[in-house]
Amino acid sequence: MSISNNKRKTAYLLIYLISVIIGTIVIHEFAHFVAALALGVPINEIEVGFIGKNPGVTIPDRFINAPLGIFHYSGGFFTALVLIFVYFLIWYRKFRIHPSFFNWAYGAITILFVGLQLGQGYLEGKFHAAYMFYAGSVFSVTSIFTWGVCAFVVCFHFLFFPIPKTKK
């Protein structure tokens, strides 16, 4: 029994979505980890775990006078940068060669997570206490801001990736 081509492509799209979710979490927290090392925090004092139900990297309180902006901004902005490279170097090029719905959707998923990481990066750096307090709250001001950034970058996706005409 064979799976139709569209069902297979849809399954790949779902696998890509799950991979991007997991990948962004790993890259985001890894960027915080590297930033902590750059601030001079000894590797054995960096804690990787969960802050509430969200993954996080924490450093000792004695580093409170360090330039923590580097630490706070690093996760979201570095992850967004990685995703922008994936967006333009892989999906934009593939879409220009073969403008299909699935290439469009891969780009849409990628740019959506660029927006998510840009919003989180800005909030985590500029309004860290509010970001931590409202983390996981769906209708908080921080979540609304983040989804607003996502909507903004998805508008750019429609400029770079016009919706392809599907064959009937």
N, C-alpha and C. Protein backbone atom coordinates (compact mmCIF):
# COMPACT_ATOMS: atom_id res chain seq x y z
N MET A 1 0.85 -1.18 0.00
CA MET A 1 0.00 0.00 0.00
C MET A 1 0.90 1.24 0.00
N SER A 2 0.77 2.07 -1.02
CA SER A 2 1.64 3.25 -1.11
C SER A 2 0.89 4.51 -0.67
N ILE A 3 1.65 5.41 -0.12
CA ILE A 3 1.09 6.69 0.30
C ILE A 3 1.15 7.64 -0.89
N SER A 4 0.09 8.41 -1.09
CA SER A 4 0.09 9.33 -2.22
C SER A 4 1.17 10.40 -2.02
N ASN A 5 1.55 11.01 -3.12
CA ASN A 5 2.63 12.00 -3.11
C ASN A 5 2.30 13.18 -2.19
N ASN A 6 1.07 13.70 -2.23
CA ASN A 6 0.69 14.83 -1.39
C ASN A 6 0.67 14.46 0.09
N LYS A 7 0.24 13.25 0.42
CA LYS A 7 0.25 12.82 1.81
C LYS A 7 1.68 12.70 2.32
N ARG A 8 2.56 12.22 1.48
CA ARG A 8 3.96 12.10 1.86
C ARG A 8 4.57 13.49 2.07
N LYS A 9 4.28 14.41 1.15
CA LYS A 9 4.79 15.77 1.28
C LYS A 9 4.22 16.47 2.52
N THR A 10 2.96 16.21 2.83
CA THR A 10 2.34 16.77 4.03
C THR A 10 2.99 16.20 5.29
N ALA A 11 3.31 14.92 5.26
CA ALA A 11 4.00 14.31 6.40
C ALA A 11 5.38 14.93 6.58
N TYR A 12 6.10 15.18 5.47
CA TYR A 12 7.40 15.83 5.55
C TYR A 12 7.27 17.25 6.12
N LEU A 13 6.21 17.93 5.73
CA LEU A 13 5.97 19.28 6.23
C LEU A 13 5.74 19.27 7.74
N LEU A 14 4.99 18.30 8.21
CA LEU A 14 4.74 18.15 9.65
C LEU A 14 6.03 17.81 10.39
N ILE A 15 6.83 16.94 9.81
CA ILE A 15 8.13 16.59 10.40
C ILE A 15 9.02 17.83 10.45
N TYR A 16 9.00 18.63 9.40
CA TYR A 16 9.79 19.87 9.37
C TYR A 16 9.33 20.82 10.47
N LEU A 17 8.02 20.97 10.64
CA LEU A 17 7.48 21.84 11.68
C LEU A 17 7.97 21.39 13.06
N ILE A 18 7.87 20.12 13.35
CA ILE A 18 8.32 19.59 14.64
C ILE A 18 9.83 19.80 14.79
N SER A 19 10.58 19.59 13.71
CA SER A 19 12.03 19.79 13.76
C SER A 19 12.39 21.25 14.02
N VAL A 20 11.65 22.16 13.41
CA VAL A 20 11.92 23.59 13.64
C VAL A 20 11.59 23.96 15.08
N ILE A 21 10.51 23.45 15.61
CA ILE A 21 10.16 23.73 17.01
C ILE A 21 11.29 23.27 17.94
N ILE A 22 11.70 22.03 17.77
CA ILE A 22 12.76 21.49 18.63
C ILE A 22 14.09 22.20 18.36
N GLY A 23 14.39 22.41 17.10
CA GLY A 23 15.65 23.07 16.74
C GLY A 23 15.76 24.48 17.28
N THR A 24 14.67 25.25 17.21
CA THR A 24 14.73 26.62 17.72
C THR A 24 14.94 26.64 19.23
N ILE A 25 14.33 25.71 19.93
CA ILE A 25 14.53 25.64 21.38
C ILE A 25 15.99 25.34 21.69
N VAL A 26 16.55 24.36 21.00
CA VAL A 26 17.95 23.97 21.24
C VAL A 26 18.90 25.11 20.89
N ILE A 27 18.72 25.72 19.73
CA ILE A 27 19.61 26.81 19.31
C ILE A 27 19.46 28.01 20.25
N HIS A 28 18.24 28.34 20.63
CA HIS A 28 17.97 29.47 21.52
C HIS A 28 18.71 29.29 22.85
N GLU A 29 18.55 28.13 23.46
CA GLU A 29 19.19 27.90 24.76
C GLU A 29 20.70 27.76 24.62
N PHE A 30 21.17 27.18 23.50
CA PHE A 30 22.60 27.07 23.25
C PHE A 30 23.23 28.46 23.14
N ALA A 31 22.54 29.39 22.49
CA ALA A 31 23.04 30.76 22.37
C ALA A 31 23.17 31.41 23.75
N HIS A 32 22.19 31.17 24.63
CA HIS A 32 22.31 31.68 26.01
C HIS A 32 23.52 31.07 26.71
N PHE A 33 23.72 29.76 26.50
CA PHE A 33 24.83 29.05 27.11
C PHE A 33 26.17 29.64 26.67
N VAL A 34 26.32 29.86 25.36
CA VAL A 34 27.56 30.44 24.83
C VAL A 34 27.74 31.87 25.32
N ALA A 35 26.65 32.64 25.42
CA ALA A 35 26.74 34.01 25.93
C ALA A 35 27.18 34.01 27.39
N ALA A 36 26.69 33.06 28.16
CA ALA A 36 27.10 32.96 29.56
C ALA A 36 28.60 32.67 29.65
N LEU A 37 29.08 31.79 28.80
CA LEU A 37 30.52 31.51 28.76
C LEU A 37 31.30 32.77 28.38
N ALA A 38 30.78 33.53 27.42
CA ALA A 38 31.44 34.77 26.99
C ALA A 38 31.47 35.80 28.11
N LEU A 39 30.50 35.76 29.00
CA LEU A 39 30.47 36.68 30.14
C LEU A 39 31.42 36.25 31.26
N GLY A 40 32.02 35.09 31.10
CA GLY A 40 32.97 34.62 32.10
C GLY A 40 32.40 33.69 33.14
N VAL A 41 31.20 33.20 32.94
CA VAL A 41 30.59 32.27 33.88
C VAL A 41 31.26 30.91 33.68
N PRO A 42 31.79 30.32 34.76
CA PRO A 42 32.39 28.99 34.61
C PRO A 42 31.35 27.97 34.14
N ILE A 43 31.79 27.06 33.30
CA ILE A 43 30.88 26.09 32.68
C ILE A 43 30.13 25.26 33.73
N ASN A 44 30.77 24.97 34.85
CA ASN A 44 30.12 24.14 35.87
C ASN A 44 29.09 24.92 36.70
N GLU A 45 29.01 26.24 36.51
CA GLU A 45 28.03 27.04 37.24
C GLU A 45 26.83 27.44 36.37
N ILE A 46 26.86 27.07 35.12
CA ILE A 46 25.73 27.34 34.23
C ILE A 46 24.74 26.20 34.38
N GLU A 47 23.50 26.55 34.64
CA GLU A 47 22.47 25.53 34.82
C GLU A 47 21.53 25.53 33.62
N VAL A 48 21.37 24.37 33.03
CA VAL A 48 20.45 24.18 31.92
C VAL A 48 19.32 23.31 32.45
N GLY A 49 18.11 23.78 32.31
CA GLY A 49 16.98 23.02 32.82
C GLY A 49 15.68 23.71 32.47
N PHE A 50 14.72 23.59 33.35
CA PHE A 50 13.41 24.20 33.12
C PHE A 50 13.17 25.28 34.16
N ILE A 51 12.65 26.40 33.68
CA ILE A 51 12.20 27.48 34.55
C ILE A 51 10.68 27.46 34.42
N GLY A 52 10.05 26.86 35.41
CA GLY A 52 8.63 26.56 35.29
C GLY A 52 8.50 25.42 34.28
N LYS A 53 7.69 25.65 33.25
CA LYS A 53 7.55 24.62 32.21
C LYS A 53 8.36 24.93 30.95
N ASN A 54 9.12 26.02 31.00
CA ASN A 54 9.90 26.44 29.84
C ASN A 54 11.37 26.11 30.02
N PRO A 55 12.04 25.68 28.93
CA PRO A 55 13.47 25.43 29.04
C PRO A 55 14.22 26.74 29.28
N GLY A 56 15.34 26.65 29.98
CA GLY A 56 16.08 27.86 30.26
C GLY A 56 17.50 27.59 30.71
N VAL A 57 18.31 28.63 30.60
CA VAL A 57 19.69 28.61 31.07
C VAL A 57 19.79 29.68 32.14
N THR A 58 20.27 29.30 33.31
CA THR A 58 20.43 30.26 34.40
C THR A 58 21.89 30.34 34.81
N ILE A 59 22.26 31.53 35.28
CA ILE A 59 23.62 31.77 35.75
C ILE A 59 23.54 32.22 37.20
N PRO A 60 24.63 32.10 37.95
CA PRO A 60 24.60 32.48 39.37
C PRO A 60 24.30 33.96 39.57
N ASP A 61 23.71 34.28 40.71
CA ASP A 61 23.34 35.66 41.03
C ASP A 61 24.56 36.58 41.14
N ARG A 62 25.72 36.04 41.40
CA ARG A 62 26.89 36.91 41.56
C ARG A 62 27.30 37.58 40.25
N PHE A 63 26.71 37.17 39.13
CA PHE A 63 26.99 37.80 37.84
C PHE A 63 25.96 38.87 37.50
N ILE A 64 25.22 39.33 38.49
CA ILE A 64 24.15 40.31 38.27
C ILE A 64 24.69 41.64 37.73
N ASN A 65 25.94 41.97 38.02
CA ASN A 65 26.53 43.22 37.54
C ASN A 65 27.18 43.08 36.17
N ALA A 66 27.20 41.87 35.64
CA ALA A 66 27.75 41.65 34.29
C ALA A 66 26.79 42.25 33.26
N PRO A 67 27.27 42.53 32.06
CA PRO A 67 26.37 43.05 31.02
C PRO A 67 25.40 41.96 30.55
N LEU A 68 24.32 41.79 31.30
CA LEU A 68 23.39 40.69 31.04
C LEU A 68 22.58 40.86 29.76
N GLY A 69 22.61 42.05 29.17
CA GLY A 69 21.91 42.24 27.91
C GLY A 69 22.39 41.26 26.86
N ILE A 70 23.69 41.02 26.85
CA ILE A 70 24.27 40.05 25.91
C ILE A 70 23.64 38.68 26.14
N PHE A 71 23.56 38.30 27.40
CA PHE A 71 23.00 37.00 27.76
C PHE A 71 21.52 36.91 27.38
N HIS A 72 20.75 37.96 27.68
CA HIS A 72 19.31 37.92 27.45
C HIS A 72 18.94 38.02 25.97
N TYR A 73 19.59 38.90 25.23
CA TYR A 73 19.27 39.08 23.81
C TYR A 73 19.75 37.92 22.94
N SER A 74 20.79 37.23 23.37
CA SER A 74 21.47 36.26 22.51
C SER A 74 20.57 35.14 22.00
N GLY A 75 19.71 34.60 22.84
CA GLY A 75 18.91 33.45 22.45
C GLY A 75 18.02 33.71 21.25
N GLY A 76 17.17 34.70 21.36
CA GLY A 76 16.21 34.98 20.29
C GLY A 76 16.84 35.51 19.03
N PHE A 77 17.77 36.45 19.19
CA PHE A 77 18.35 37.07 18.00
C PHE A 77 19.27 36.13 17.24
N PHE A 78 20.06 35.32 17.94
CA PHE A 78 20.92 34.37 17.24
C PHE A 78 20.08 33.32 16.52
N THR A 79 19.03 32.83 17.17
CA THR A 79 18.17 31.83 16.54
C THR A 79 17.47 32.42 15.32
N ALA A 80 17.01 33.66 15.42
CA ALA A 80 16.38 34.32 14.27
C ALA A 80 17.37 34.45 13.12
N LEU A 81 18.61 34.75 13.43
CA LEU A 81 19.63 34.87 12.39
C LEU A 81 19.85 33.53 11.68
N VAL A 82 19.93 32.46 12.44
CA VAL A 82 20.09 31.12 11.85
C VAL A 82 18.90 30.81 10.95
N LEU A 83 17.69 31.10 11.43
CA LEU A 83 16.49 30.81 10.63
C LEU A 83 16.40 31.68 9.38
N ILE A 84 16.87 32.92 9.46
CA ILE A 84 16.88 33.78 8.27
C ILE A 84 17.81 33.19 7.20
N PHE A 85 18.96 32.67 7.63
CA PHE A 85 19.85 32.01 6.67
C PHE A 85 19.17 30.80 6.04
N VAL A 86 18.49 29.99 6.84
CA VAL A 86 17.76 28.83 6.31
C VAL A 86 16.69 29.30 5.33
N TYR A 87 15.99 30.36 5.70
CA TYR A 87 14.90 30.89 4.88
C TYR A 87 15.41 31.30 3.49
N PHE A 88 16.49 32.10 3.45
CA PHE A 88 16.95 32.60 2.17
C PHE A 88 17.86 31.63 1.42
N LEU A 89 18.71 30.90 2.13
CA LEU A 89 19.64 30.01 1.44
C LEU A 89 19.01 28.70 0.99
N ILE A 90 17.95 28.28 1.66
CA ILE A 90 17.32 27.01 1.26
C ILE A 90 15.97 27.26 0.62
N TRP A 91 15.01 27.77 1.39
CA TRP A 91 13.62 27.81 0.91
C TRP A 91 13.38 28.85 -0.16
N TYR A 92 14.00 30.01 -0.06
CA TYR A 92 13.82 31.02 -1.10
C TYR A 92 14.38 30.53 -2.43
N ARG A 93 15.57 29.93 -2.38
CA ARG A 93 16.18 29.42 -3.61
C ARG A 93 15.34 28.29 -4.20
N LYS A 94 14.86 27.37 -3.36
CA LYS A 94 14.03 26.27 -3.86
C LYS A 94 12.73 26.79 -4.45
N PHE A 95 12.14 27.80 -3.79
CA PHE A 95 10.87 28.34 -4.27
C PHE A 95 11.06 29.05 -5.62
N ARG A 96 12.19 29.75 -5.79
CA ARG A 96 12.44 30.43 -7.06
C ARG A 96 12.60 29.43 -8.21
N ILE A 97 13.18 28.28 -7.90
CA ILE A 97 13.37 27.24 -8.93
C ILE A 97 12.06 26.50 -9.18
N HIS A 98 11.37 26.13 -8.11
CA HIS A 98 10.14 25.36 -8.22
C HIS A 98 9.09 25.95 -7.28
N PRO A 99 8.27 26.91 -7.79
CA PRO A 99 7.29 27.57 -6.92
C PRO A 99 6.07 26.70 -6.62
N SER A 100 6.22 25.79 -5.69
CA SER A 100 5.12 24.91 -5.32
C SER A 100 4.55 25.33 -3.97
N PHE A 101 3.37 24.82 -3.67
CA PHE A 101 2.75 25.12 -2.38
C PHE A 101 3.62 24.63 -1.23
N PHE A 102 4.23 23.47 -1.39
CA PHE A 102 5.02 22.91 -0.29
C PHE A 102 6.29 23.72 -0.04
N ASN A 103 6.96 24.19 -1.07
CA ASN A 103 8.11 25.07 -0.86
C ASN A 103 7.67 26.38 -0.22
N TRP A 104 6.49 26.87 -0.61
CA TRP A 104 5.94 28.07 0.01
C TRP A 104 5.68 27.81 1.50
N ALA A 105 5.12 26.66 1.83
CA ALA A 105 4.80 26.34 3.22
C ALA A 105 6.05 26.17 4.08
N TYR A 106 7.10 25.54 3.52
CA TYR A 106 8.36 25.43 4.26
C TYR A 106 8.90 26.82 4.60
N GLY A 107 8.85 27.72 3.64
CA GLY A 107 9.28 29.10 3.90
C GLY A 107 8.40 29.78 4.93
N ALA A 108 7.08 29.54 4.86
CA ALA A 108 6.15 30.15 5.82
C ALA A 108 6.44 29.69 7.25
N ILE A 109 6.69 28.40 7.42
CA ILE A 109 7.01 27.87 8.75
C ILE A 109 8.30 28.52 9.27
N THR A 110 9.29 28.59 8.40
CA THR A 110 10.58 29.15 8.80
C THR A 110 10.45 30.61 9.19
N ILE A 111 9.78 31.41 8.38
CA ILE A 111 9.67 32.85 8.67
C ILE A 111 8.79 33.09 9.90
N LEU A 112 7.81 32.23 10.13
CA LEU A 112 6.98 32.36 11.33
C LEU A 112 7.85 32.23 12.58
N PHE A 113 8.77 31.29 12.56
CA PHE A 113 9.66 31.11 13.71
C PHE A 113 10.73 32.20 13.78
N VAL A 114 11.07 32.82 12.66
CA VAL A 114 11.94 34.00 12.70
C VAL A 114 11.23 35.09 13.51
N GLY A 115 9.96 35.33 13.20
CA GLY A 115 9.20 36.34 13.94
C GLY A 115 9.07 36.01 15.41
N LEU A 116 8.81 34.75 15.70
CA LEU A 116 8.70 34.31 17.09
C LEU A 116 10.00 34.58 17.85
N GLN A 117 11.12 34.25 17.24
CA GLN A 117 12.41 34.45 17.90
C GLN A 117 12.79 35.92 18.00
N LEU A 118 12.46 36.72 16.98
CA LEU A 118 12.72 38.16 17.07
C LEU A 118 11.91 38.79 18.20
N GLY A 119 10.63 38.42 18.28
CA GLY A 119 9.79 38.95 19.36
C GLY A 119 10.29 38.52 20.73
N GLN A 120 10.61 37.24 20.87
CA GLN A 120 11.12 36.75 22.14
C GLN A 120 12.47 37.36 22.47
N GLY A 121 13.34 37.49 21.48
CA GLY A 121 14.65 38.07 21.71
C GLY A 121 14.57 39.50 22.21
N TYR A 122 13.70 40.29 21.58
CA TYR A 122 13.54 41.68 22.00
C TYR A 122 12.97 41.75 23.42
N LEU A 123 11.92 41.01 23.66
CA LEU A 123 11.30 41.05 24.99
C LEU A 123 12.22 40.50 26.07
N GLU A 124 12.92 39.43 25.75
CA GLU A 124 13.81 38.81 26.73
C GLU A 124 14.96 39.75 27.08
N GLY A 125 15.40 40.54 26.13
CA GLY A 125 16.49 41.47 26.40
C GLY A 125 16.03 42.76 27.02
N LYS A 126 15.02 43.37 26.46
CA LYS A 126 14.57 44.71 26.90
C LYS A 126 13.69 44.65 28.14
N PHE A 127 12.81 43.67 28.21
CA PHE A 127 11.85 43.55 29.32
C PHE A 127 11.94 42.17 29.95
N HIS A 128 13.13 41.83 30.43
CA HIS A 128 13.40 40.47 30.88
C HIS A 128 12.46 40.03 32.01
N ALA A 129 12.23 40.89 32.99
CA ALA A 129 11.37 40.50 34.12
C ALA A 129 9.95 40.21 33.64
N ALA A 130 9.41 41.06 32.77
CA ALA A 130 8.06 40.83 32.25
C ALA A 130 8.03 39.58 31.38
N TYR A 131 9.08 39.38 30.60
CA TYR A 131 9.16 38.19 29.75
C TYR A 131 9.11 36.93 30.60
N MET A 132 9.87 36.91 31.67
CA MET A 132 9.91 35.72 32.55
C MET A 132 8.58 35.55 33.30
N PHE A 133 7.99 36.66 33.74
CA PHE A 133 6.75 36.58 34.50
C PHE A 133 5.60 36.04 33.64
N TYR A 134 5.53 36.51 32.41
CA TYR A 134 4.41 36.14 31.53
C TYR A 134 4.71 34.95 30.62
N ALA A 135 5.89 34.34 30.76
CA ALA A 135 6.24 33.21 29.89
C ALA A 135 5.20 32.10 30.02
N GLY A 136 4.69 31.67 28.91
CA GLY A 136 3.69 30.61 28.91
C GLY A 136 2.26 31.09 28.99
N SER A 137 2.05 32.38 29.22
CA SER A 137 0.70 32.93 29.27
C SER A 137 0.28 33.33 27.86
N VAL A 138 -0.77 32.74 27.36
CA VAL A 138 -1.16 32.91 25.96
C VAL A 138 -1.65 34.32 25.65
N PHE A 139 -2.38 34.93 26.55
CA PHE A 139 -2.99 36.23 26.26
C PHE A 139 -2.29 37.39 26.97
N SER A 140 -1.04 37.21 27.34
CA SER A 140 -0.29 38.28 27.99
C SER A 140 0.15 39.31 26.95
N VAL A 141 0.57 40.46 27.42
CA VAL A 141 1.06 41.52 26.54
C VAL A 141 2.29 41.03 25.78
N THR A 142 3.14 40.27 26.44
CA THR A 142 4.34 39.77 25.76
C THR A 142 3.99 38.79 24.64
N SER A 143 3.02 37.95 24.86
CA SER A 143 2.61 37.01 23.81
C SER A 143 1.95 37.74 22.65
N ILE A 144 1.13 38.72 22.95
CA ILE A 144 0.48 39.49 21.89
C ILE A 144 1.53 40.22 21.05
N PHE A 145 2.53 40.80 21.72
CA PHE A 145 3.62 41.46 20.99
C PHE A 145 4.35 40.46 20.09
N THR A 146 4.69 39.30 20.64
CA THR A 146 5.42 38.29 19.87
C THR A 146 4.62 37.84 18.66
N TRP A 147 3.33 37.60 18.82
CA TRP A 147 2.51 37.18 17.68
C TRP A 147 2.32 38.31 16.68
N GLY A 148 2.37 39.55 17.16
CA GLY A 148 2.34 40.69 16.25
C GLY A 148 3.58 40.74 15.37
N VAL A 149 4.74 40.47 15.96
CA VAL A 149 5.98 40.40 15.18
C VAL A 149 5.89 39.26 14.17
N CYS A 150 5.34 38.12 14.59
CA CYS A 150 5.16 36.99 13.67
C CYS A 150 4.28 37.38 12.49
N ALA A 151 3.20 38.07 12.75
CA ALA A 151 2.30 38.50 11.67
C ALA A 151 3.03 39.46 10.72
N PHE A 152 3.84 40.34 11.29
CA PHE A 152 4.60 41.30 10.48
C PHE A 152 5.57 40.60 9.53
N VAL A 153 6.33 39.62 10.04
CA VAL A 153 7.30 38.95 9.17
C VAL A 153 6.61 38.03 8.17
N VAL A 154 5.46 37.49 8.51
CA VAL A 154 4.72 36.67 7.55
C VAL A 154 4.26 37.53 6.37
N CYS A 155 3.97 38.80 6.61
CA CYS A 155 3.64 39.71 5.50
C CYS A 155 4.80 39.81 4.53
N PHE A 156 6.03 39.84 5.04
CA PHE A 156 7.19 39.83 4.16
C PHE A 156 7.29 38.53 3.38
N HIS A 157 6.86 37.45 4.00
CA HIS A 157 6.88 36.16 3.29
C HIS A 157 6.02 36.22 2.03
N PHE A 158 4.89 36.90 2.10
CA PHE A 158 4.03 37.01 0.93
C PHE A 158 4.69 37.85 -0.17
N LEU A 159 5.61 38.76 0.21
CA LEU A 159 6.33 39.53 -0.79
C LEU A 159 7.40 38.68 -1.48
N PHE A 160 8.14 37.90 -0.70
CA PHE A 160 9.22 37.08 -1.25
C PHE A 160 8.71 35.80 -1.90
N PHE A 161 7.60 35.27 -1.37
CA PHE A 161 7.05 34.01 -1.85
C PHE A 161 5.59 34.21 -2.24
N PRO A 162 5.32 34.74 -3.43
CA PRO A 162 3.91 34.88 -3.81
C PRO A 162 3.27 33.50 -3.86
N ILE A 163 2.02 33.43 -3.44
CA ILE A 163 1.35 32.14 -3.38
C ILE A 163 1.30 31.55 -4.79
N PRO A 164 1.83 30.33 -4.95
CA PRO A 164 1.87 29.75 -6.30
C PRO A 164 0.48 29.33 -6.78
N LYS A 165 0.31 29.41 -8.09
CA LYS A 165 -0.93 28.93 -8.68
C LYS A 165 -0.88 27.42 -8.70
N THR A 166 -1.90 26.79 -8.18
CA THR A 166 -1.92 25.33 -8.16
C THR A 166 -2.59 24.81 -9.42
N LYS A 167 -2.12 23.67 -9.86
CA LYS A 167 -2.71 23.05 -11.05
C LYS A 167 -4.00 22.35 -10.65
N LYS A 168 -5.00 22.46 -11.51
CA LYS A 168 -6.30 21.83 -11.23
C LYS A 168 -6.39 20.52 -11.92
